[in-house]
Amino acid sequence: MEYHLKNREEIERFVIEQVLTTSEAIEILSVTRQKMKSLISTKKITPVKKLNRETLFLRSDIEARKAEQDELRKKYHRLIAKILFPLLLSGAFIFVNTWKEFVIFCGNIPMYDKKRGRAE
């Protein structure tokens, strides 16, 4: 994306409208401060500038991440609705460590272990 700012007023307007602080980005993304740090460290979001106590982001980068995040949430909410929720209704118990690691139990017997990728 290219920006052509001709005078001080345009620069000020650009900074006010298009540059976000960490707190503003967290609010838009609806994540915790810890999750925001994780997004930065895994390079899923790239800051424009890091200062001592503040990090600055471009609005376009945050909005792109928001769109990606919304798609991921839809995908995993479908997973819960179609697969996991009916299992819970049938009496199964699901131990979730992360989305990549979960075990489905029926009584005391593991039925499926996502981490290992197979039925026990």
N, C-alpha and C. Protein backbone atom coordinates (compact mmCIF):
# COMPACT_ATOMS: atom_id res chain seq x y z
N MET A 1 0.85 -1.17 0.00
CA MET A 1 0.00 0.00 0.00
C MET A 1 0.90 1.24 0.00
N GLU A 2 0.58 2.18 -0.83
CA GLU A 2 1.36 3.42 -0.92
C GLU A 2 0.56 4.59 -0.39
N TYR A 3 1.26 5.46 0.28
CA TYR A 3 0.62 6.64 0.83
C TYR A 3 1.32 7.88 0.28
N HIS A 4 0.55 8.85 -0.15
CA HIS A 4 1.09 10.11 -0.65
C HIS A 4 0.55 11.24 0.22
N LEU A 5 1.36 11.64 1.18
CA LEU A 5 0.96 12.68 2.11
C LEU A 5 1.73 13.94 1.75
N LYS A 6 0.98 15.00 1.47
CA LYS A 6 1.60 16.20 0.92
C LYS A 6 1.92 17.29 1.93
N ASN A 7 1.21 17.31 3.01
CA ASN A 7 1.47 18.37 4.00
C ASN A 7 1.25 17.84 5.42
N ARG A 8 1.54 18.66 6.37
CA ARG A 8 1.46 18.27 7.77
C ARG A 8 0.05 17.85 8.17
N GLU A 9 -0.96 18.54 7.68
CA GLU A 9 -2.35 18.21 8.03
C GLU A 9 -2.72 16.81 7.55
N GLU A 10 -2.28 16.44 6.36
CA GLU A 10 -2.55 15.10 5.84
C GLU A 10 -1.83 14.04 6.67
N ILE A 11 -0.62 14.36 7.08
CA ILE A 11 0.14 13.43 7.92
C ILE A 11 -0.56 13.25 9.26
N GLU A 12 -0.99 14.35 9.87
CA GLU A 12 -1.69 14.26 11.16
C GLU A 12 -2.98 13.46 11.03
N ARG A 13 -3.74 13.72 9.97
CA ARG A 13 -4.99 13.00 9.76
C ARG A 13 -4.71 11.50 9.55
N PHE A 14 -3.65 11.20 8.79
CA PHE A 14 -3.28 9.81 8.56
C PHE A 14 -2.94 9.12 9.89
N VAL A 15 -2.12 9.75 10.70
CA VAL A 15 -1.73 9.15 11.98
C VAL A 15 -2.94 8.96 12.89
N ILE A 16 -3.80 9.94 12.95
CA ILE A 16 -4.99 9.83 13.80
C ILE A 16 -5.93 8.72 13.33
N GLU A 17 -6.10 8.59 12.02
CA GLU A 17 -7.07 7.63 11.48
C GLU A 17 -6.49 6.24 11.23
N GLN A 18 -5.20 6.15 10.89
CA GLN A 18 -4.65 4.88 10.41
C GLN A 18 -3.61 4.22 11.32
N VAL A 19 -3.12 4.91 12.32
CA VAL A 19 -2.13 4.33 13.23
C VAL A 19 -2.82 4.04 14.56
N LEU A 20 -2.65 2.82 15.04
CA LEU A 20 -3.31 2.37 16.26
C LEU A 20 -2.30 2.02 17.34
N THR A 21 -2.67 2.26 18.58
CA THR A 21 -1.87 1.83 19.72
C THR A 21 -2.22 0.37 20.01
N THR A 22 -1.46 -0.22 20.91
CA THR A 22 -1.73 -1.61 21.30
C THR A 22 -3.13 -1.75 21.89
N SER A 23 -3.53 -0.81 22.74
CA SER A 23 -4.86 -0.88 23.36
C SER A 23 -5.97 -0.81 22.32
N GLU A 24 -5.81 0.04 21.33
CA GLU A 24 -6.82 0.15 20.27
C GLU A 24 -6.87 -1.14 19.44
N ALA A 25 -5.71 -1.70 19.14
CA ALA A 25 -5.65 -2.94 18.37
C ALA A 25 -6.29 -4.09 19.15
N ILE A 26 -6.01 -4.16 20.44
CA ILE A 26 -6.60 -5.20 21.29
C ILE A 26 -8.12 -5.09 21.29
N GLU A 27 -8.62 -3.87 21.36
CA GLU A 27 -10.08 -3.66 21.36
C GLU A 27 -10.70 -4.11 20.04
N ILE A 28 -10.07 -3.77 18.92
CA ILE A 28 -10.60 -4.16 17.60
C ILE A 28 -10.59 -5.68 17.44
N LEU A 29 -9.48 -6.31 17.86
CA LEU A 29 -9.34 -7.75 17.69
C LEU A 29 -10.08 -8.56 18.74
N SER A 30 -10.49 -7.92 19.82
CA SER A 30 -11.16 -8.61 20.94
C SER A 30 -10.29 -9.73 21.50
N VAL A 31 -9.02 -9.39 21.76
CA VAL A 31 -8.09 -10.36 22.34
C VAL A 31 -7.51 -9.78 23.63
N THR A 32 -6.83 -10.62 24.38
CA THR A 32 -6.16 -10.16 25.59
C THR A 32 -4.79 -9.58 25.23
N ARG A 33 -4.21 -8.89 26.18
CA ARG A 33 -2.87 -8.33 25.98
C ARG A 33 -1.86 -9.47 25.75
N GLN A 34 -2.04 -10.56 26.46
CA GLN A 34 -1.15 -11.71 26.31
C GLN A 34 -1.26 -12.30 24.90
N LYS A 35 -2.48 -12.42 24.37
CA LYS A 35 -2.68 -12.94 23.02
C LYS A 35 -2.07 -11.98 21.99
N MET A 36 -2.18 -10.68 22.24
CA MET A 36 -1.59 -9.70 21.34
C MET A 36 -0.08 -9.87 21.28
N LYS A 37 0.55 -10.07 22.44
CA LYS A 37 2.00 -10.31 22.47
C LYS A 37 2.35 -11.57 21.69
N SER A 38 1.52 -12.58 21.80
CA SER A 38 1.74 -13.83 21.07
C SER A 38 1.62 -13.61 19.56
N LEU A 39 0.64 -12.83 19.14
CA LEU A 39 0.47 -12.53 17.71
C LEU A 39 1.70 -11.79 17.16
N ILE A 40 2.27 -10.92 17.97
CA ILE A 40 3.47 -10.18 17.55
C ILE A 40 4.67 -11.10 17.50
N SER A 41 4.86 -11.92 18.53
CA SER A 41 6.05 -12.79 18.58
C SER A 41 6.02 -13.87 17.51
N THR A 42 4.83 -14.31 17.09
CA THR A 42 4.72 -15.31 16.01
C THR A 42 4.62 -14.65 14.64
N LYS A 43 4.75 -13.34 14.62
CA LYS A 43 4.75 -12.54 13.39
C LYS A 43 3.44 -12.63 12.60
N LYS A 44 2.34 -12.86 13.30
CA LYS A 44 1.03 -12.82 12.67
C LYS A 44 0.56 -11.39 12.53
N ILE A 45 1.12 -10.50 13.36
CA ILE A 45 0.89 -9.05 13.26
C ILE A 45 2.27 -8.40 13.36
N THR A 46 2.52 -7.47 12.45
CA THR A 46 3.81 -6.77 12.47
C THR A 46 3.59 -5.32 12.89
N PRO A 47 4.23 -4.90 13.98
CA PRO A 47 4.10 -3.51 14.41
C PRO A 47 4.82 -2.57 13.46
N VAL A 48 4.33 -1.35 13.36
CA VAL A 48 4.99 -0.32 12.58
C VAL A 48 6.19 0.20 13.35
N LYS A 49 5.99 0.38 14.66
CA LYS A 49 7.06 0.90 15.50
C LYS A 49 6.85 0.42 16.93
N LYS A 50 7.98 0.07 17.57
CA LYS A 50 7.95 -0.30 18.99
C LYS A 50 8.68 0.78 19.77
N LEU A 51 8.01 1.30 20.77
CA LEU A 51 8.59 2.29 21.67
C LEU A 51 8.79 1.62 23.02
N ASN A 52 9.26 2.36 24.00
CA ASN A 52 9.48 1.79 25.33
C ASN A 52 8.23 1.12 25.90
N ARG A 53 7.14 1.87 25.93
CA ARG A 53 5.92 1.36 26.55
C ARG A 53 4.76 1.19 25.59
N GLU A 54 4.96 1.47 24.34
CA GLU A 54 3.86 1.41 23.37
C GLU A 54 4.35 0.82 22.06
N THR A 55 3.44 0.15 21.39
CA THR A 55 3.69 -0.41 20.07
C THR A 55 2.62 0.14 19.15
N LEU A 56 3.01 0.52 17.93
CA LEU A 56 2.07 1.11 16.98
C LEU A 56 1.84 0.17 15.81
N PHE A 57 0.60 0.17 15.32
CA PHE A 57 0.19 -0.71 14.23
C PHE A 57 -0.56 0.09 13.18
N LEU A 58 -0.55 -0.40 11.94
CA LEU A 58 -1.39 0.19 10.90
C LEU A 58 -2.78 -0.42 11.00
N ARG A 59 -3.79 0.42 10.88
CA ARG A 59 -5.18 -0.04 10.94
C ARG A 59 -5.43 -1.15 9.92
N SER A 60 -4.87 -1.01 8.71
CA SER A 60 -5.10 -2.01 7.65
C SER A 60 -4.58 -3.38 8.07
N ASP A 61 -3.44 -3.44 8.76
CA ASP A 61 -2.89 -4.72 9.23
C ASP A 61 -3.80 -5.35 10.29
N ILE A 62 -4.30 -4.53 11.19
CA ILE A 62 -5.18 -5.02 12.26
C ILE A 62 -6.52 -5.49 11.67
N GLU A 63 -7.06 -4.74 10.74
CA GLU A 63 -8.33 -5.14 10.13
C GLU A 63 -8.18 -6.40 9.30
N ALA A 64 -7.03 -6.59 8.65
CA ALA A 64 -6.78 -7.83 7.89
C ALA A 64 -6.71 -9.02 8.85
N ARG A 65 -6.04 -8.84 9.98
CA ARG A 65 -5.97 -9.90 10.98
C ARG A 65 -7.34 -10.19 11.57
N LYS A 66 -8.14 -9.17 11.77
CA LYS A 66 -9.50 -9.34 12.30
C LYS A 66 -10.32 -10.21 11.36
N ALA A 67 -10.22 -9.95 10.04
CA ALA A 67 -10.96 -10.74 9.06
C ALA A 67 -10.49 -12.20 9.08
N GLU A 68 -9.19 -12.40 9.16
CA GLU A 68 -8.63 -13.76 9.23
C GLU A 68 -9.09 -14.46 10.51
N GLN A 69 -9.05 -13.74 11.61
CA GLN A 69 -9.46 -14.27 12.91
C GLN A 69 -10.94 -14.66 12.90
N ASP A 70 -11.78 -13.82 12.29
CA ASP A 70 -13.21 -14.13 12.21
C ASP A 70 -13.47 -15.40 11.42
N GLU A 71 -12.70 -15.61 10.34
CA GLU A 71 -12.84 -16.84 9.55
C GLU A 71 -12.43 -18.05 10.37
N LEU A 72 -11.34 -17.94 11.12
CA LEU A 72 -10.89 -19.04 11.97
C LEU A 72 -11.93 -19.36 13.04
N ARG A 73 -12.51 -18.32 13.62
CA ARG A 73 -13.54 -18.55 14.66
C ARG A 73 -14.76 -19.25 14.08
N LYS A 74 -15.18 -18.86 12.87
CA LYS A 74 -16.31 -19.53 12.22
C LYS A 74 -15.99 -21.01 12.01
N LYS A 75 -14.79 -21.29 11.55
CA LYS A 75 -14.37 -22.66 11.29
C LYS A 75 -14.43 -23.50 12.56
N TYR A 76 -13.86 -22.99 13.66
CA TYR A 76 -13.83 -23.76 14.89
C TYR A 76 -15.19 -23.80 15.58
N HIS A 77 -16.00 -22.78 15.41
CA HIS A 77 -17.36 -22.85 15.97
C HIS A 77 -18.17 -23.91 15.25
N ARG A 78 -17.94 -24.07 13.92
CA ARG A 78 -18.60 -25.15 13.19
C ARG A 78 -18.15 -26.51 13.71
N LEU A 79 -16.85 -26.62 14.01
CA LEU A 79 -16.32 -27.87 14.56
C LEU A 79 -17.04 -28.22 15.85
N ILE A 80 -17.20 -27.25 16.72
CA ILE A 80 -17.88 -27.49 18.00
C ILE A 80 -19.33 -27.88 17.75
N ALA A 81 -20.01 -27.14 16.87
CA ALA A 81 -21.44 -27.39 16.63
C ALA A 81 -21.68 -28.74 15.98
N LYS A 82 -20.82 -29.13 15.02
CA LYS A 82 -21.09 -30.35 14.25
C LYS A 82 -20.51 -31.61 14.87
N ILE A 83 -19.39 -31.49 15.55
CA ILE A 83 -18.72 -32.70 16.03
C ILE A 83 -18.75 -32.81 17.55
N LEU A 84 -18.23 -31.80 18.22
CA LEU A 84 -18.05 -31.94 19.66
C LEU A 84 -19.34 -31.82 20.45
N PHE A 85 -20.22 -30.90 20.08
CA PHE A 85 -21.46 -30.70 20.84
C PHE A 85 -22.34 -31.95 20.84
N PRO A 86 -22.56 -32.60 19.69
CA PRO A 86 -23.36 -33.84 19.75
C PRO A 86 -22.74 -34.93 20.62
N LEU A 87 -21.39 -34.99 20.64
CA LEU A 87 -20.75 -35.96 21.51
C LEU A 87 -21.01 -35.67 22.98
N LEU A 88 -20.99 -34.39 23.32
CA LEU A 88 -21.29 -34.01 24.70
C LEU A 88 -22.71 -34.40 25.08
N LEU A 89 -23.64 -34.21 24.14
CA LEU A 89 -25.04 -34.57 24.41
C LEU A 89 -25.20 -36.08 24.59
N SER A 90 -24.32 -36.85 23.94
CA SER A 90 -24.42 -38.31 24.05
C SER A 90 -23.76 -38.83 25.33
N GLY A 91 -23.20 -37.92 26.14
CA GLY A 91 -22.60 -38.34 27.41
C GLY A 91 -21.09 -38.42 27.37
N ALA A 92 -20.48 -38.05 26.26
CA ALA A 92 -19.02 -38.09 26.17
C ALA A 92 -18.43 -36.92 26.95
N PHE A 93 -17.20 -37.07 27.37
CA PHE A 93 -16.47 -36.02 28.06
C PHE A 93 -15.27 -35.67 27.20
N ILE A 94 -15.03 -34.38 27.01
CA ILE A 94 -13.93 -33.96 26.16
C ILE A 94 -12.93 -33.18 27.00
N PHE A 95 -11.68 -33.65 27.01
CA PHE A 95 -10.60 -32.94 27.68
C PHE A 95 -9.87 -32.14 26.62
N VAL A 96 -9.86 -30.82 26.74
CA VAL A 96 -9.23 -29.95 25.76
C VAL A 96 -8.00 -29.32 26.38
N ASN A 97 -6.83 -29.61 25.80
CA ASN A 97 -5.60 -28.95 26.21
C ASN A 97 -5.42 -27.71 25.33
N THR A 98 -5.44 -27.90 24.04
CA THR A 98 -5.47 -26.81 23.06
C THR A 98 -6.37 -27.29 21.94
N TRP A 99 -6.59 -26.44 20.93
CA TRP A 99 -7.41 -26.89 19.79
C TRP A 99 -6.71 -27.99 19.01
N LYS A 100 -5.40 -28.10 19.16
CA LYS A 100 -4.68 -29.15 18.45
C LYS A 100 -4.59 -30.42 19.27
N GLU A 101 -4.91 -30.33 20.54
CA GLU A 101 -4.80 -31.49 21.42
C GLU A 101 -6.09 -31.64 22.23
N PHE A 102 -6.86 -32.64 21.92
CA PHE A 102 -8.01 -32.93 22.77
C PHE A 102 -8.27 -34.43 22.74
N VAL A 103 -8.88 -34.91 23.79
CA VAL A 103 -9.21 -36.32 23.91
C VAL A 103 -10.69 -36.42 24.23
N ILE A 104 -11.39 -37.29 23.52
CA ILE A 104 -12.81 -37.51 23.77
C ILE A 104 -12.95 -38.81 24.56
N PHE A 105 -13.62 -38.72 25.70
CA PHE A 105 -13.84 -39.88 26.56
C PHE A 105 -15.31 -40.25 26.57
N CYS A 106 -15.57 -41.52 26.59
CA CYS A 106 -16.92 -42.01 26.84
C CYS A 106 -16.79 -42.88 28.09
N GLY A 107 -17.26 -42.38 29.19
CA GLY A 107 -16.98 -43.01 30.47
C GLY A 107 -15.51 -42.77 30.80
N ASN A 108 -14.77 -43.84 31.10
CA ASN A 108 -13.33 -43.72 31.37
C ASN A 108 -12.49 -44.13 30.17
N ILE A 109 -13.11 -44.44 29.05
CA ILE A 109 -12.39 -44.96 27.88
C ILE A 109 -12.17 -43.85 26.85
N PRO A 110 -10.90 -43.55 26.51
CA PRO A 110 -10.67 -42.55 25.46
C PRO A 110 -11.18 -43.07 24.12
N MET A 111 -12.02 -42.28 23.46
CA MET A 111 -12.57 -42.68 22.16
C MET A 111 -11.70 -42.14 21.01
N TYR A 112 -11.19 -40.91 21.17
CA TYR A 112 -10.40 -40.31 20.10
C TYR A 112 -9.40 -39.35 20.72
N ASP A 113 -8.16 -39.45 20.27
CA ASP A 113 -7.10 -38.58 20.77
C ASP A 113 -6.59 -37.75 19.61
N LYS A 114 -6.93 -36.47 19.58
CA LYS A 114 -6.57 -35.58 18.47
C LYS A 114 -5.05 -35.39 18.37
N LYS A 115 -4.37 -35.36 19.51
CA LYS A 115 -2.92 -35.16 19.50
C LYS A 115 -2.23 -36.33 18.77
N ARG A 116 -2.69 -37.54 19.04
CA ARG A 116 -2.11 -38.72 18.40
C ARG A 116 -2.79 -39.03 17.06
N GLY A 117 -3.97 -38.44 16.85
CA GLY A 117 -4.68 -38.61 15.58
C GLY A 117 -5.30 -39.96 15.37
N ARG A 118 -5.68 -40.64 16.44
CA ARG A 118 -6.29 -41.96 16.28
C ARG A 118 -7.19 -42.28 17.46
N ALA A 119 -8.04 -43.26 17.22
CA ALA A 119 -8.87 -43.76 18.32
C ALA A 119 -8.02 -44.62 19.22
N GLU A 120 -8.30 -44.57 20.48
CA GLU A 120 -7.52 -45.36 21.45
C GLU A 120 -8.13 -46.74 21.57
